Amino acid sequence: PVPQFSSFPMTNCTLHLPEDISPLISGVDLQELPKQLDGYRTYSYQTFGYDWLFAGDYMVETVSAGGMEVQFSYLAGREKVMKESGAAELGADVIDFFSQTFGPLDMKGQPMVVAELDGSFVDGGWGLDNMAVFGEASFMGAVYKGDGSNQEGGSGIGVAVHEIAHQW
């Protein structure tokens, strides 16, 4: 028989990342530990083995939306694009709308994370536990505005809104 997730043993994990790399993890409580290695940050978490872990040089903008803390994480060097597109404000408005329409979310003490991923890793997006992720092209120029070049008829912002909607 195929094992069920609940049958996997709880595993304690320690993660060492260079100081300029930030982790994004779905569905678990990630704790930063006191410094153990020069030039690295150390994290600890417990898992049943079915979490998503991303790490990169992220900028994080934290806002309040839908009665909770929301972390908008985007790749360093893209501050101008993200600010010009109004990504965090737009995402907060979407979360407020869904919260008012469908009710508030219970993230079980976790912040909601809305994150941009490297385009070589994802083209489109995913809704995961406490995360909504999408490719970096989602907030770039004509793709963001929906110039019609997307064969499925969507826009970059449509992808981001769609992935946020998965939380409900």
N, C-alpha and C. Protein backbone atom coordinates (compact mmCIF):
# COMPACT_ATOMS: atom_id res chain seq x y z
N PRO A 1 0.83 -1.20 0.00
CA PRO A 1 0.00 0.00 0.00
C PRO A 1 0.87 1.26 0.00
N VAL A 2 0.30 2.34 -0.54
CA VAL A 2 1.00 3.62 -0.55
C VAL A 2 0.93 4.22 0.85
N PRO A 3 2.07 4.65 1.41
CA PRO A 3 2.03 5.22 2.77
C PRO A 3 1.26 6.53 2.78
N GLN A 4 0.54 6.78 3.86
CA GLN A 4 -0.17 8.04 4.07
C GLN A 4 0.79 9.01 4.74
N PHE A 5 0.60 10.32 4.47
CA PHE A 5 1.49 11.31 5.07
C PHE A 5 1.54 11.19 6.58
N SER A 6 0.40 10.91 7.19
CA SER A 6 0.37 10.85 8.65
C SER A 6 1.17 9.67 9.20
N SER A 7 1.52 8.70 8.35
CA SER A 7 2.29 7.56 8.84
C SER A 7 3.79 7.81 8.83
N PHE A 8 4.22 8.92 8.22
CA PHE A 8 5.64 9.24 8.24
C PHE A 8 6.04 9.71 9.63
N PRO A 9 7.21 9.36 10.09
CA PRO A 9 7.63 9.81 11.43
C PRO A 9 7.95 11.31 11.41
N MET A 10 7.74 11.95 12.54
CA MET A 10 8.12 13.34 12.70
C MET A 10 9.64 13.43 12.64
N THR A 11 10.14 14.35 11.87
CA THR A 11 11.59 14.51 11.70
C THR A 11 11.98 15.92 12.13
N ASN A 12 13.03 16.02 12.93
CA ASN A 12 13.59 17.30 13.32
C ASN A 12 14.65 17.69 12.30
N CYS A 13 14.55 18.88 11.74
CA CYS A 13 15.47 19.32 10.70
C CYS A 13 16.22 20.57 11.13
N THR A 14 17.47 20.64 10.74
CA THR A 14 18.29 21.83 10.93
C THR A 14 18.77 22.26 9.57
N LEU A 15 18.67 23.54 9.30
CA LEU A 15 18.99 24.09 8.00
C LEU A 15 19.99 25.22 8.18
N HIS A 16 21.12 25.14 7.47
CA HIS A 16 22.14 26.20 7.49
C HIS A 16 22.14 26.87 6.12
N LEU A 17 21.90 28.17 6.09
CA LEU A 17 21.87 28.92 4.83
C LEU A 17 22.80 30.12 4.92
N PRO A 18 23.46 30.48 3.81
CA PRO A 18 24.26 31.71 3.83
C PRO A 18 23.40 32.88 4.31
N GLU A 19 24.04 33.85 4.96
CA GLU A 19 23.30 34.96 5.57
C GLU A 19 22.43 35.74 4.60
N ASP A 20 22.78 35.77 3.32
CA ASP A 20 21.99 36.54 2.36
C ASP A 20 20.89 35.72 1.69
N ILE A 21 20.67 34.50 2.14
CA ILE A 21 19.63 33.63 1.59
C ILE A 21 18.54 33.44 2.65
N SER A 22 17.29 33.64 2.24
CA SER A 22 16.15 33.51 3.15
C SER A 22 15.33 32.28 2.78
N PRO A 23 14.89 31.52 3.78
CA PRO A 23 14.05 30.36 3.50
C PRO A 23 12.57 30.73 3.49
N LEU A 24 11.82 30.05 2.65
CA LEU A 24 10.37 30.11 2.64
C LEU A 24 9.91 28.66 2.72
N ILE A 25 9.10 28.35 3.72
CA ILE A 25 8.68 26.96 3.90
C ILE A 25 7.17 26.92 4.13
N SER A 26 6.53 25.91 3.59
CA SER A 26 5.07 25.81 3.70
C SER A 26 4.66 24.95 4.87
N GLY A 27 3.72 25.47 5.63
CA GLY A 27 3.01 24.67 6.62
C GLY A 27 3.73 24.28 7.89
N VAL A 28 4.92 24.76 8.15
CA VAL A 28 5.60 24.43 9.40
C VAL A 28 6.13 25.71 10.04
N ASP A 29 6.40 25.61 11.32
CA ASP A 29 6.94 26.74 12.06
C ASP A 29 8.47 26.69 12.00
N LEU A 30 9.04 27.64 11.29
CA LEU A 30 10.49 27.71 11.11
C LEU A 30 11.06 28.65 12.16
N GLN A 31 11.99 28.16 12.96
CA GLN A 31 12.60 28.95 14.02
C GLN A 31 14.04 29.25 13.68
N GLU A 32 14.43 30.54 13.76
CA GLU A 32 15.85 30.87 13.58
C GLU A 32 16.56 30.61 14.90
N LEU A 33 17.68 29.92 14.84
CA LEU A 33 18.46 29.57 16.02
C LEU A 33 19.62 30.54 16.19
N PRO A 34 20.22 30.57 17.38
CA PRO A 34 21.43 31.39 17.54
C PRO A 34 22.50 30.98 16.53
N LYS A 35 23.33 31.93 16.17
CA LYS A 35 24.37 31.70 15.17
C LYS A 35 25.25 30.52 15.55
N GLN A 36 25.46 29.61 14.59
CA GLN A 36 26.28 28.43 14.82
C GLN A 36 27.52 28.41 13.93
N LEU A 37 27.39 28.96 12.71
CA LEU A 37 28.48 28.96 11.75
C LEU A 37 28.68 30.39 11.23
N ASP A 38 29.93 30.82 11.12
CA ASP A 38 30.20 32.14 10.58
C ASP A 38 29.69 32.26 9.16
N GLY A 39 28.98 33.35 8.87
CA GLY A 39 28.47 33.59 7.53
C GLY A 39 27.17 32.86 7.20
N TYR A 40 26.61 32.15 8.17
CA TYR A 40 25.39 31.37 7.94
C TYR A 40 24.35 31.68 9.02
N ARG A 41 23.09 31.52 8.64
CA ARG A 41 21.98 31.54 9.60
C ARG A 41 21.49 30.10 9.73
N THR A 42 21.07 29.74 10.92
CA THR A 42 20.62 28.38 11.19
C THR A 42 19.16 28.39 11.59
N TYR A 43 18.41 27.43 11.03
CA TYR A 43 16.98 27.31 11.30
C TYR A 43 16.68 25.89 11.74
N SER A 44 15.59 25.76 12.47
CA SER A 44 15.12 24.46 12.92
C SER A 44 13.63 24.36 12.64
N TYR A 45 13.19 23.16 12.25
CA TYR A 45 11.77 22.91 12.09
C TYR A 45 11.50 21.41 12.17
N GLN A 46 10.24 21.08 12.41
CA GLN A 46 9.81 19.69 12.44
C GLN A 46 8.90 19.44 11.26
N THR A 47 9.02 18.26 10.68
CA THR A 47 8.23 17.96 9.49
C THR A 47 7.85 16.49 9.45
N PHE A 48 6.77 16.22 8.73
CA PHE A 48 6.39 14.86 8.40
C PHE A 48 6.90 14.51 7.01
N GLY A 49 7.63 15.42 6.37
CA GLY A 49 8.27 15.13 5.11
C GLY A 49 7.53 15.56 3.86
N TYR A 50 6.47 16.34 3.99
CA TYR A 50 5.74 16.74 2.80
C TYR A 50 5.60 18.27 2.70
N ASP A 51 6.61 18.97 3.15
CA ASP A 51 6.61 20.43 3.11
C ASP A 51 7.36 20.90 1.87
N TRP A 52 7.09 22.13 1.47
CA TRP A 52 7.82 22.76 0.37
C TRP A 52 8.79 23.76 0.97
N LEU A 53 10.04 23.69 0.56
CA LEU A 53 11.06 24.60 1.05
C LEU A 53 11.71 25.29 -0.15
N PHE A 54 11.69 26.61 -0.14
CA PHE A 54 12.34 27.42 -1.16
C PHE A 54 13.33 28.31 -0.43
N ALA A 55 14.43 28.63 -1.08
CA ALA A 55 15.39 29.56 -0.48
C ALA A 55 15.96 30.43 -1.58
N GLY A 56 16.16 31.69 -1.26
CA GLY A 56 16.71 32.61 -2.24
C GLY A 56 17.05 33.93 -1.60
N ASP A 57 17.56 34.84 -2.39
CA ASP A 57 17.89 36.18 -1.93
C ASP A 57 16.61 37.00 -2.03
N TYR A 58 15.79 36.94 -0.97
CA TYR A 58 14.46 37.54 -0.96
C TYR A 58 14.41 38.85 -0.19
N MET A 59 13.59 39.74 -0.69
CA MET A 59 13.18 40.94 0.03
C MET A 59 11.79 40.60 0.57
N VAL A 60 11.51 41.00 1.80
CA VAL A 60 10.21 40.69 2.39
C VAL A 60 9.53 41.98 2.81
N GLU A 61 8.30 42.13 2.37
CA GLU A 61 7.46 43.27 2.75
C GLU A 61 6.28 42.69 3.51
N THR A 62 6.14 43.04 4.78
CA THR A 62 5.07 42.50 5.61
C THR A 62 3.94 43.52 5.72
N VAL A 63 2.73 43.08 5.45
CA VAL A 63 1.55 43.93 5.54
C VAL A 63 0.46 43.19 6.32
N SER A 64 -0.53 43.92 6.75
CA SER A 64 -1.68 43.32 7.39
C SER A 64 -2.81 43.28 6.38
N ALA A 65 -3.41 42.12 6.20
CA ALA A 65 -4.53 41.97 5.26
C ALA A 65 -5.40 40.82 5.72
N GLY A 66 -6.69 40.97 5.60
CA GLY A 66 -7.60 39.90 5.99
C GLY A 66 -7.50 39.54 7.46
N GLY A 67 -7.06 40.49 8.29
CA GLY A 67 -6.92 40.24 9.72
C GLY A 67 -5.72 39.40 10.10
N MET A 68 -4.74 39.30 9.22
CA MET A 68 -3.55 38.49 9.52
C MET A 68 -2.30 39.16 8.93
N GLU A 69 -1.17 38.64 9.33
CA GLU A 69 0.11 39.09 8.79
C GLU A 69 0.36 38.38 7.47
N VAL A 70 0.74 39.14 6.46
CA VAL A 70 1.04 38.58 5.14
C VAL A 70 2.44 39.03 4.75
N GLN A 71 3.27 38.07 4.38
CA GLN A 71 4.63 38.36 3.96
C GLN A 71 4.72 38.25 2.44
N PHE A 72 4.95 39.39 1.78
CA PHE A 72 5.18 39.39 0.34
C PHE A 72 6.68 39.28 0.13
N SER A 73 7.10 38.17 -0.45
CA SER A 73 8.52 37.89 -0.65
C SER A 73 8.82 37.91 -2.14
N TYR A 74 9.80 38.72 -2.52
CA TYR A 74 10.19 38.79 -3.91
C TYR A 74 11.70 38.82 -4.03
N LEU A 75 12.18 38.43 -5.18
CA LEU A 75 13.61 38.28 -5.41
C LEU A 75 14.32 39.62 -5.33
N ALA A 76 15.46 39.64 -4.64
CA ALA A 76 16.27 40.85 -4.52
C ALA A 76 16.63 41.35 -5.91
N GLY A 77 16.69 42.65 -6.05
CA GLY A 77 16.98 43.23 -7.35
C GLY A 77 15.71 43.53 -8.14
N ARG A 78 14.57 43.12 -7.60
CA ARG A 78 13.30 43.34 -8.29
C ARG A 78 12.42 44.32 -7.53
N GLU A 79 13.02 45.06 -6.60
CA GLU A 79 12.26 46.01 -5.80
C GLU A 79 11.51 47.01 -6.68
N LYS A 80 12.18 47.55 -7.70
CA LYS A 80 11.57 48.56 -8.55
C LYS A 80 10.35 48.00 -9.28
N VAL A 81 10.49 46.82 -9.87
CA VAL A 81 9.37 46.19 -10.59
C VAL A 81 8.20 45.95 -9.64
N MET A 82 8.50 45.43 -8.45
CA MET A 82 7.44 45.09 -7.51
C MET A 82 6.76 46.35 -6.97
N LYS A 83 7.53 47.39 -6.71
CA LYS A 83 6.94 48.65 -6.23
C LYS A 83 6.10 49.30 -7.32
N GLU A 84 6.62 49.34 -8.55
CA GLU A 84 5.88 49.96 -9.65
C GLU A 84 4.59 49.22 -9.96
N SER A 85 4.59 47.90 -9.80
CA SER A 85 3.39 47.12 -10.10
C SER A 85 2.38 47.19 -8.96
N GLY A 86 2.82 47.65 -7.78
CA GLY A 86 1.92 47.68 -6.62
C GLY A 86 1.54 46.29 -6.14
N ALA A 87 2.45 45.34 -6.30
CA ALA A 87 2.16 43.93 -6.01
C ALA A 87 1.67 43.71 -4.58
N ALA A 88 2.34 44.26 -3.59
CA ALA A 88 1.94 44.03 -2.19
C ALA A 88 0.58 44.64 -1.90
N GLU A 89 0.36 45.85 -2.39
CA GLU A 89 -0.93 46.50 -2.16
C GLU A 89 -2.06 45.74 -2.85
N LEU A 90 -1.81 45.32 -4.06
CA LEU A 90 -2.81 44.57 -4.81
C LEU A 90 -3.11 43.25 -4.11
N GLY A 91 -2.05 42.55 -3.70
CA GLY A 91 -2.24 41.28 -2.98
C GLY A 91 -3.02 41.47 -1.70
N ALA A 92 -2.73 42.54 -0.96
CA ALA A 92 -3.45 42.82 0.28
C ALA A 92 -4.93 43.08 -0.02
N ASP A 93 -5.20 43.83 -1.08
CA ASP A 93 -6.60 44.09 -1.46
C ASP A 93 -7.32 42.79 -1.81
N VAL A 94 -6.65 41.90 -2.52
CA VAL A 94 -7.24 40.60 -2.89
C VAL A 94 -7.54 39.79 -1.64
N ILE A 95 -6.60 39.74 -0.71
CA ILE A 95 -6.79 38.98 0.54
C ILE A 95 -7.93 39.58 1.35
N ASP A 96 -7.99 40.91 1.43
CA ASP A 96 -9.11 41.56 2.13
C ASP A 96 -10.44 41.18 1.48
N PHE A 97 -10.49 41.22 0.14
CA PHE A 97 -11.72 40.88 -0.58
C PHE A 97 -12.15 39.44 -0.28
N PHE A 98 -11.22 38.49 -0.41
CA PHE A 98 -11.56 37.09 -0.17
C PHE A 98 -11.96 36.86 1.29
N SER A 99 -11.29 37.54 2.21
CA SER A 99 -11.62 37.39 3.64
C SER A 99 -13.02 37.91 3.93
N GLN A 100 -13.39 39.04 3.33
CA GLN A 100 -14.73 39.60 3.52
C GLN A 100 -15.79 38.75 2.83
N THR A 101 -15.46 38.18 1.69
CA THR A 101 -16.42 37.40 0.90
C THR A 101 -16.60 35.98 1.43
N PHE A 102 -15.49 35.32 1.77
CA PHE A 102 -15.53 33.90 2.14
C PHE A 102 -15.21 33.63 3.60
N GLY A 103 -14.82 34.65 4.34
CA GLY A 103 -14.48 34.49 5.75
C GLY A 103 -12.98 34.49 5.95
N PRO A 104 -12.57 34.77 7.19
CA PRO A 104 -11.13 34.85 7.47
C PRO A 104 -10.47 33.48 7.41
N LEU A 105 -9.19 33.50 7.15
CA LEU A 105 -8.39 32.27 7.13
C LEU A 105 -7.82 31.99 8.51
N ASP A 106 -7.63 30.73 8.83
CA ASP A 106 -6.92 30.33 10.04
C ASP A 106 -5.61 29.72 9.59
N MET A 107 -4.55 30.48 9.67
CA MET A 107 -3.22 30.01 9.25
C MET A 107 -2.49 29.29 10.39
N LYS A 108 -3.21 29.01 11.48
CA LYS A 108 -2.65 28.25 12.60
C LYS A 108 -1.35 28.88 13.11
N GLY A 109 -1.37 30.21 13.24
CA GLY A 109 -0.22 30.92 13.79
C GLY A 109 0.87 31.23 12.78
N GLN A 110 0.75 30.74 11.57
CA GLN A 110 1.74 31.00 10.52
C GLN A 110 1.34 32.26 9.77
N PRO A 111 2.31 33.01 9.29
CA PRO A 111 1.93 34.11 8.40
C PRO A 111 1.55 33.54 7.03
N MET A 112 0.71 34.25 6.31
CA MET A 112 0.47 33.89 4.92
C MET A 112 1.67 34.42 4.14
N VAL A 113 2.21 33.61 3.25
CA VAL A 113 3.36 34.01 2.43
C VAL A 113 2.93 34.04 0.97
N VAL A 114 3.12 35.19 0.35
CA VAL A 114 2.88 35.35 -1.07
C VAL A 114 4.26 35.58 -1.67
N ALA A 115 4.73 34.65 -2.49
CA ALA A 115 6.13 34.67 -2.90
C ALA A 115 6.32 34.53 -4.40
N GLU A 116 7.30 35.24 -4.87
CA GLU A 116 7.75 35.16 -6.25
C GLU A 116 8.89 34.13 -6.30
N LEU A 117 8.83 33.24 -7.28
CA LEU A 117 9.89 32.25 -7.46
C LEU A 117 10.63 32.51 -8.76
N ASP A 118 11.85 32.04 -8.82
CA ASP A 118 12.67 32.15 -10.01
C ASP A 118 11.93 31.54 -11.20
N GLY A 119 11.92 32.25 -12.32
CA GLY A 119 11.20 31.80 -13.51
C GLY A 119 11.71 30.50 -14.10
N SER A 120 12.95 30.11 -13.77
CA SER A 120 13.45 28.83 -14.27
C SER A 120 12.86 27.67 -13.48
N PHE A 121 12.23 27.98 -12.35
CA PHE A 121 11.66 26.95 -11.49
C PHE A 121 10.16 26.81 -11.70
N VAL A 122 9.47 27.92 -11.92
CA VAL A 122 8.02 27.86 -12.06
C VAL A 122 7.55 28.85 -13.12
N ASP A 123 6.65 28.38 -13.96
CA ASP A 123 5.99 29.24 -14.94
C ASP A 123 4.50 29.09 -14.65
N GLY A 124 3.96 30.03 -13.94
CA GLY A 124 2.59 29.91 -13.44
C GLY A 124 2.65 30.05 -11.94
N GLY A 125 2.03 29.15 -11.21
CA GLY A 125 2.08 29.25 -9.75
C GLY A 125 1.48 28.04 -9.08
N TRP A 126 1.50 28.09 -7.73
CA TRP A 126 0.94 27.03 -6.88
C TRP A 126 0.34 27.66 -5.64
N GLY A 127 -0.66 27.02 -5.10
CA GLY A 127 -1.16 27.34 -3.77
C GLY A 127 -0.75 26.21 -2.85
N LEU A 128 0.01 26.51 -1.81
CA LEU A 128 0.56 25.50 -0.90
C LEU A 128 0.29 25.92 0.55
N ASP A 129 -0.25 25.03 1.35
CA ASP A 129 -0.47 25.30 2.77
C ASP A 129 -0.70 26.79 3.04
N ASN A 130 0.28 27.47 3.61
CA ASN A 130 0.16 28.89 3.93
C ASN A 130 0.83 29.77 2.88
N MET A 131 1.07 29.24 1.69
CA MET A 131 1.80 29.98 0.67
C MET A 131 1.04 30.04 -0.65
N ALA A 132 1.19 31.18 -1.32
CA ALA A 132 0.77 31.34 -2.70
C ALA A 132 2.02 31.76 -3.45
N VAL A 133 2.46 30.97 -4.43
CA VAL A 133 3.70 31.26 -5.14
C VAL A 133 3.43 31.37 -6.63
N PHE A 134 4.24 32.18 -7.30
CA PHE A 134 4.09 32.41 -8.73
C PHE A 134 5.43 32.78 -9.32
N GLY A 135 5.58 32.61 -10.63
CA GLY A 135 6.83 32.90 -11.31
C GLY A 135 7.12 34.40 -11.38
N GLU A 136 8.39 34.72 -11.51
CA GLU A 136 8.81 36.12 -11.48
C GLU A 136 8.26 36.95 -12.63
N ALA A 137 7.84 36.32 -13.71
CA ALA A 137 7.28 37.07 -14.84
C ALA A 137 5.89 37.62 -14.52
N SER A 138 5.26 37.16 -13.45
CA SER A 138 3.89 37.57 -13.15
C SER A 138 3.73 39.07 -12.96
N PHE A 139 4.76 39.76 -12.52
CA PHE A 139 4.65 41.19 -12.27
C PHE A 139 5.58 42.00 -13.17
N MET A 140 5.79 41.52 -14.38
CA MET A 140 6.67 42.23 -15.31
C MET A 140 5.87 42.77 -16.49
N GLY A 141 5.96 44.05 -16.72
CA GLY A 141 5.44 44.73 -17.90
C GLY A 141 4.18 44.19 -18.50
N ALA A 142 4.24 43.80 -19.77
CA ALA A 142 3.07 43.39 -20.54
C ALA A 142 2.44 42.12 -19.96
N VAL A 143 3.24 41.21 -19.40
CA VAL A 143 2.68 39.99 -18.82
C VAL A 143 1.77 40.35 -17.66
N TYR A 144 2.25 41.25 -16.81
CA TYR A 144 1.47 41.68 -15.65
C TYR A 144 0.16 42.30 -16.08
N LYS A 145 0.21 43.12 -17.09
CA LYS A 145 -0.97 43.87 -17.53
C LYS A 145 -1.90 43.04 -18.41
N GLY A 146 -1.45 41.89 -18.86
CA GLY A 146 -2.30 41.04 -19.68
C GLY A 146 -2.40 41.54 -21.10
N ASP A 147 -1.30 41.49 -21.82
CA ASP A 147 -1.27 42.01 -23.19
C ASP A 147 -1.83 41.03 -24.23
N GLY A 148 -2.31 39.89 -23.77
CA GLY A 148 -2.87 38.92 -24.71
C GLY A 148 -1.88 37.89 -25.19
N SER A 149 -0.61 37.99 -24.76
CA SER A 149 0.40 37.05 -25.23
C SER A 149 0.29 35.70 -24.54
N ASN A 150 -0.39 35.64 -23.41
CA ASN A 150 -0.59 34.38 -22.71
C ASN A 150 -1.63 33.57 -23.47
N GLN A 151 -1.26 32.40 -23.94
CA GLN A 151 -2.16 31.59 -24.77
C GLN A 151 -3.39 31.13 -24.00
N GLU A 152 -3.31 31.09 -22.68
CA GLU A 152 -4.47 30.69 -21.90
C GLU A 152 -5.37 31.87 -21.60
N GLY A 153 -4.99 33.07 -22.05
CA GLY A 153 -5.83 34.24 -21.89
C GLY A 153 -5.67 34.99 -20.59
N GLY A 154 -4.77 34.55 -19.73
CA GLY A 154 -4.60 35.20 -18.43
C GLY A 154 -3.53 36.24 -18.43
N SER A 155 -3.38 36.87 -17.28
CA SER A 155 -2.32 37.85 -17.08
C SER A 155 -1.50 37.41 -15.88
N GLY A 156 -0.36 38.05 -15.70
CA GLY A 156 0.48 37.71 -14.55
C GLY A 156 -0.25 37.95 -13.25
N ILE A 157 -0.95 39.08 -13.17
CA ILE A 157 -1.67 39.36 -11.93
C ILE A 157 -2.80 38.35 -11.74
N GLY A 158 -3.37 37.88 -12.83
CA GLY A 158 -4.40 36.84 -12.73
C GLY A 158 -3.86 35.58 -12.10
N VAL A 159 -2.61 35.23 -12.43
CA VAL A 159 -1.97 34.05 -11.83
C VAL A 159 -1.82 34.27 -10.32
N ALA A 160 -1.32 35.44 -9.93
CA ALA A 160 -1.12 35.72 -8.51
C ALA A 160 -2.44 35.67 -7.75
N VAL A 161 -3.48 36.29 -8.28
CA VAL A 161 -4.79 36.29 -7.63
C VAL A 161 -5.32 34.85 -7.54
N HIS A 162 -5.17 34.09 -8.61
CA HIS A 162 -5.61 32.69 -8.63
C HIS A 162 -4.92 31.88 -7.52
N GLU A 163 -3.61 32.06 -7.37
CA GLU A 163 -2.87 31.29 -6.35
C GLU A 163 -3.25 31.73 -4.95
N ILE A 164 -3.49 33.02 -4.75
CA ILE A 164 -3.97 33.49 -3.44
C ILE A 164 -5.34 32.87 -3.13
N ALA A 165 -6.21 32.79 -4.15
CA ALA A 165 -7.55 32.24 -3.95
C ALA A 165 -7.51 30.79 -3.48
N HIS A 166 -6.48 30.04 -3.81
CA HIS A 166 -6.37 28.65 -3.36
C HIS A 166 -6.38 28.55 -1.83
N GLN A 167 -6.01 29.62 -1.14
CA GLN A 167 -5.99 29.56 0.33
C GLN A 167 -7.38 29.37 0.92
N TRP A 168 -8.41 29.76 0.18
CA TRP A 168 -9.77 29.60 0.64
C TRP A 168 -10.35 28.30 0.14
